Amino acid sequence: MIKKLRELTGLSQQAFSDKYEIPKRTIEDWERGRRKPPEYVVKLLERVVKGDIEKEG
């Protein structure tokens, strides 16, 4: 889910990390399935990322 959201933005892991202030290592772990993000984080990121995409579009 996190990877799909990041890909929607067109950002690299590093750029996504910088923009949303999430450690790059955490994003890597989420995307590779080593760790699972809390559900509230997924929902919050969905809202924020989709809002950002709408603003840019």
N, C-alpha and C. Protein backbone atom coordinates (compact mmCIF):
# COMPACT_ATOMS: atom_id res chain seq x y z
N MET A 1 0.82 -1.20 0.00
CA MET A 1 0.00 0.00 0.00
C MET A 1 0.86 1.26 0.00
N ILE A 2 1.90 1.28 0.83
CA ILE A 2 2.76 2.46 0.91
C ILE A 2 3.47 2.66 -0.42
N LYS A 3 3.94 1.58 -1.01
CA LYS A 3 4.63 1.69 -2.30
C LYS A 3 3.69 2.25 -3.36
N LYS A 4 2.45 1.80 -3.37
CA LYS A 4 1.47 2.31 -4.34
C LYS A 4 1.24 3.80 -4.15
N LEU A 5 1.12 4.21 -2.90
CA LEU A 5 0.95 5.64 -2.61
C LEU A 5 2.16 6.44 -3.08
N ARG A 6 3.34 5.92 -2.79
CA ARG A 6 4.57 6.62 -3.20
C ARG A 6 4.65 6.70 -4.71
N GLU A 7 4.31 5.61 -5.39
CA GLU A 7 4.37 5.60 -6.85
C GLU A 7 3.36 6.58 -7.45
N LEU A 8 2.22 6.77 -6.80
CA LEU A 8 1.25 7.76 -7.27
C LEU A 8 1.85 9.17 -7.29
N THR A 9 2.75 9.41 -6.34
CA THR A 9 3.37 10.73 -6.26
C THR A 9 4.48 10.89 -7.29
N GLY A 10 5.01 9.76 -7.78
CA GLY A 10 6.13 9.82 -8.71
C GLY A 10 7.45 10.12 -8.01
N LEU A 11 7.47 10.00 -6.68
CA LEU A 11 8.67 10.33 -5.92
C LEU A 11 9.50 9.09 -5.63
N SER A 12 10.81 9.28 -5.53
CA SER A 12 11.70 8.22 -5.08
C SER A 12 11.46 8.00 -3.59
N GLN A 13 12.02 6.93 -3.06
CA GLN A 13 11.89 6.70 -1.62
C GLN A 13 12.48 7.86 -0.83
N GLN A 14 13.63 8.37 -1.28
CA GLN A 14 14.27 9.46 -0.56
C GLN A 14 13.43 10.73 -0.61
N ALA A 15 12.90 11.04 -1.79
CA ALA A 15 12.07 12.25 -1.94
C ALA A 15 10.78 12.14 -1.12
N PHE A 16 10.17 10.95 -1.12
CA PHE A 16 8.96 10.72 -0.33
C PHE A 16 9.28 10.87 1.16
N SER A 17 10.41 10.30 1.55
CA SER A 17 10.87 10.42 2.93
C SER A 17 11.03 11.87 3.34
N ASP A 18 11.68 12.64 2.49
CA ASP A 18 11.91 14.05 2.79
C ASP A 18 10.60 14.83 2.86
N LYS A 19 9.72 14.60 1.89
CA LYS A 19 8.48 15.36 1.81
C LYS A 19 7.55 15.09 2.99
N TYR A 20 7.43 13.82 3.37
CA TYR A 20 6.47 13.45 4.41
C TYR A 20 7.13 13.18 5.77
N GLU A 21 8.42 13.48 5.85
CA GLU A 21 9.17 13.38 7.10
C GLU A 21 9.06 12.00 7.76
N ILE A 22 9.29 10.98 6.94
CA ILE A 22 9.31 9.60 7.40
C ILE A 22 10.73 9.09 7.09
N PRO A 23 11.38 8.48 8.05
CA PRO A 23 12.73 7.98 7.76
C PRO A 23 12.75 7.05 6.54
N LYS A 24 13.74 7.23 5.70
CA LYS A 24 13.84 6.42 4.47
C LYS A 24 13.89 4.94 4.81
N ARG A 25 14.60 4.60 5.84
CA ARG A 25 14.72 3.19 6.24
C ARG A 25 13.34 2.61 6.57
N THR A 26 12.48 3.39 7.20
CA THR A 26 11.13 2.95 7.54
C THR A 26 10.33 2.68 6.26
N ILE A 27 10.44 3.57 5.29
CA ILE A 27 9.75 3.37 4.02
C ILE A 27 10.25 2.11 3.34
N GLU A 28 11.56 1.91 3.32
CA GLU A 28 12.14 0.70 2.74
C GLU A 28 11.58 -0.55 3.41
N ASP A 29 11.55 -0.54 4.74
CA ASP A 29 11.04 -1.69 5.48
C ASP A 29 9.57 -1.95 5.18
N TRP A 30 8.77 -0.91 5.10
CA TRP A 30 7.34 -1.07 4.78
C TRP A 30 7.17 -1.64 3.38
N GLU A 31 7.91 -1.10 2.43
CA GLU A 31 7.75 -1.54 1.05
C GLU A 31 8.24 -2.97 0.82
N ARG A 32 9.23 -3.39 1.57
CA ARG A 32 9.78 -4.74 1.41
C ARG A 32 9.10 -5.76 2.31
N GLY A 33 8.14 -5.31 3.10
CA GLY A 33 7.39 -6.22 3.95
C GLY A 33 8.12 -6.64 5.22
N ARG A 34 9.22 -5.98 5.54
CA ARG A 34 9.93 -6.31 6.77
C ARG A 34 9.18 -5.80 8.00
N ARG A 35 8.45 -4.72 7.81
CA ARG A 35 7.61 -4.15 8.86
C ARG A 35 6.31 -3.71 8.22
N LYS A 36 5.29 -3.64 9.04
CA LYS A 36 3.98 -3.21 8.56
C LYS A 36 3.64 -1.88 9.22
N PRO A 37 3.25 -0.88 8.42
CA PRO A 37 2.89 0.40 9.03
C PRO A 37 1.58 0.27 9.81
N PRO A 38 1.46 1.02 10.89
CA PRO A 38 0.18 1.02 11.62
C PRO A 38 -0.94 1.49 10.69
N GLU A 39 -2.11 0.97 10.90
CA GLU A 39 -3.26 1.29 10.05
C GLU A 39 -3.55 2.79 10.03
N TYR A 40 -3.40 3.46 11.18
CA TYR A 40 -3.67 4.90 11.21
C TYR A 40 -2.68 5.67 10.34
N VAL A 41 -1.45 5.17 10.23
CA VAL A 41 -0.44 5.83 9.39
C VAL A 41 -0.82 5.67 7.92
N VAL A 42 -1.26 4.48 7.55
CA VAL A 42 -1.68 4.24 6.16
C VAL A 42 -2.84 5.16 5.80
N LYS A 43 -3.84 5.25 6.66
CA LYS A 43 -5.00 6.08 6.39
C LYS A 43 -4.62 7.56 6.30
N LEU A 44 -3.76 8.00 7.19
CA LEU A 44 -3.32 9.39 7.18
C LEU A 44 -2.53 9.69 5.90
N LEU A 45 -1.61 8.81 5.54
CA LEU A 45 -0.83 9.02 4.32
C LEU A 45 -1.72 9.01 3.08
N GLU A 46 -2.71 8.12 3.04
CA GLU A 46 -3.64 8.10 1.91
C GLU A 46 -4.31 9.46 1.74
N ARG A 47 -4.78 10.00 2.83
CA ARG A 47 -5.48 11.28 2.81
C ARG A 47 -4.54 12.41 2.36
N VAL A 48 -3.37 12.44 2.95
CA VAL A 48 -2.42 13.52 2.66
C VAL A 48 -1.90 13.43 1.23
N VAL A 49 -1.49 12.24 0.82
CA VAL A 49 -0.94 12.06 -0.53
C VAL A 49 -2.00 12.37 -1.59
N LYS A 50 -3.20 11.86 -1.41
CA LYS A 50 -4.25 12.13 -2.40
C LYS A 50 -4.60 13.60 -2.44
N GLY A 51 -4.58 14.27 -1.29
CA GLY A 51 -4.81 15.71 -1.26
C GLY A 51 -3.72 16.46 -2.00
N ASP A 52 -2.47 16.04 -1.80
CA ASP A 52 -1.35 16.68 -2.50
C ASP A 52 -1.45 16.48 -4.01
N ILE A 53 -1.85 15.28 -4.43
CA ILE A 53 -1.98 15.00 -5.87
C ILE A 53 -3.07 15.87 -6.48
N GLU A 54 -4.19 16.03 -5.77
CA GLU A 54 -5.28 16.86 -6.28
C GLU A 54 -4.84 18.32 -6.41
N LYS A 55 -4.05 18.81 -5.46
CA LYS A 55 -3.56 20.18 -5.53
C LYS A 55 -2.65 20.39 -6.74
N GLU A 56 -1.82 19.39 -7.02
CA GLU A 56 -0.88 19.50 -8.12
C GLU A 56 -1.54 19.31 -9.47
N GLY A 57 -2.61 18.51 -9.49
CA GLY A 57 -3.27 18.14 -10.75
C GLY A 57 -4.06 19.24 -11.27
